[in-house]
Amino acid sequence: MSEITRDEARKRAVNALTELAHANGLGALMIVDEAIVETPTAWYFPYDAAAFVLQGEVSAALTGNLAVKVLRDGAAVTFEKIPRS
């Protein structure tokens, strides 16, 4: 399978976050673009509540959330801890 683009990976991550927010009544979630991590096999998209990221509403901040991991081949989208080098 060929590699998907970063833009396609981001779209898949946004879709996963939309489903997560809807299923758990979390309100709007958004990817923190400046914190995205790329590895040889995947992209990791950190996210938080939009109200926290955009307006600084501390009470809206999420804790303990795992990044959306999108494999470069597009085969899977999961929620996982970002690997540290």
Protein backbone atom coordinates (compact mmCIF):
# COMPACT_ATOMS: atom_id res chain seq x y z
CA MET A 1 0.00 0.00 0.00
CA SER A 2 1.31 3.47 -0.80
CA GLU A 3 1.79 6.19 1.77
CA ILE A 4 -0.99 8.69 2.38
CA THR A 5 -0.25 12.41 2.60
CA ARG A 6 -0.06 14.35 5.83
CA ASP A 7 -3.21 16.23 4.79
CA GLU A 8 -5.08 12.95 4.32
CA ALA A 9 -3.78 11.71 7.67
CA ARG A 10 -5.01 14.93 9.31
CA LYS A 11 -8.46 14.47 7.76
CA ARG A 12 -8.61 10.96 9.18
CA ALA A 13 -7.57 12.26 12.60
CA VAL A 14 -10.27 14.96 12.48
CA ASN A 15 -12.87 12.32 11.60
CA ALA A 16 -11.75 10.18 14.56
CA LEU A 17 -12.00 13.20 16.88
CA THR A 18 -15.47 14.08 15.59
CA GLU A 19 -16.64 10.54 16.36
CA LEU A 20 -14.97 10.60 19.80
CA ALA A 21 -16.53 13.94 20.71
CA HIS A 22 -19.98 12.86 19.54
CA ALA A 23 -19.86 9.50 21.33
CA ASN A 24 -18.71 11.04 24.62
CA GLY A 25 -20.42 14.44 24.62
CA LEU A 26 -17.09 16.27 24.66
CA GLY A 27 -18.00 19.30 22.58
CA ALA A 28 -15.66 20.56 19.87
CA LEU A 29 -12.18 19.09 19.78
CA MET A 30 -9.28 20.37 17.73
CA ILE A 31 -5.82 19.23 16.73
CA VAL A 32 -2.92 21.22 18.15
CA ASP A 33 -1.00 21.63 14.88
CA GLU A 34 2.25 22.87 16.38
CA ALA A 35 2.49 19.69 18.49
CA ILE A 36 2.06 17.12 15.67
CA VAL A 37 4.76 14.45 15.76
CA GLU A 38 5.94 12.55 12.68
CA THR A 39 7.69 9.19 12.85
CA PRO A 40 8.81 6.87 10.06
CA THR A 41 5.58 4.86 10.40
CA ALA A 42 2.90 7.33 11.56
CA TRP A 43 1.72 10.81 12.41
CA TYR A 44 0.55 11.62 15.95
CA PHE A 45 -2.06 14.37 16.22
CA PRO A 46 -2.39 15.80 19.75
CA TYR A 47 -5.72 17.46 20.47
CA ASP A 48 -7.68 19.25 23.15
CA ALA A 49 -11.01 20.97 23.62
CA ALA A 50 -11.42 23.85 21.20
CA ALA A 51 -12.57 26.12 24.03
CA PHE A 52 -9.27 25.54 25.81
CA VAL A 53 -7.05 25.93 22.74
CA LEU A 54 -8.82 28.98 21.30
CA GLN A 55 -10.14 30.84 24.35
CA GLY A 56 -7.94 29.47 27.14
CA GLU A 57 -10.89 28.12 29.13
CA VAL A 58 -8.98 25.99 31.63
CA SER A 59 -12.15 24.24 32.79
CA ALA A 60 -12.59 22.86 29.24
CA ALA A 61 -9.08 21.36 29.02
CA LEU A 62 -8.81 17.61 28.63
CA THR A 63 -6.38 15.60 30.72
CA GLY A 64 -4.87 12.23 30.00
CA ASN A 65 -5.98 12.14 26.39
CA LEU A 66 -3.95 10.13 23.89
CA ALA A 67 -2.95 11.50 20.50
CA VAL A 68 -4.65 10.29 17.35
CA LYS A 69 -2.17 8.02 15.58
CA VAL A 70 -2.56 7.63 11.81
CA LEU A 71 -0.33 5.10 10.11
CA ARG A 72 1.47 6.38 7.04
CA ASP A 73 -0.02 3.60 4.94
CA GLY A 74 -3.51 4.66 6.06
CA ALA A 75 -4.30 1.19 7.39
CA ALA A 76 -5.25 2.27 10.92
CA VAL A 77 -6.31 5.21 13.06
CA THR A 78 -5.90 4.67 16.80
CA PHE A 79 -5.39 6.63 20.00
CA GLU A 80 -1.89 6.15 21.42
CA LYS A 81 0.80 7.78 23.49
CA ILE A 82 3.29 9.82 21.45
CA PRO A 83 6.65 8.05 21.41
CA ARG A 84 9.53 10.03 22.87
CA SER A 85 12.92 9.87 21.22
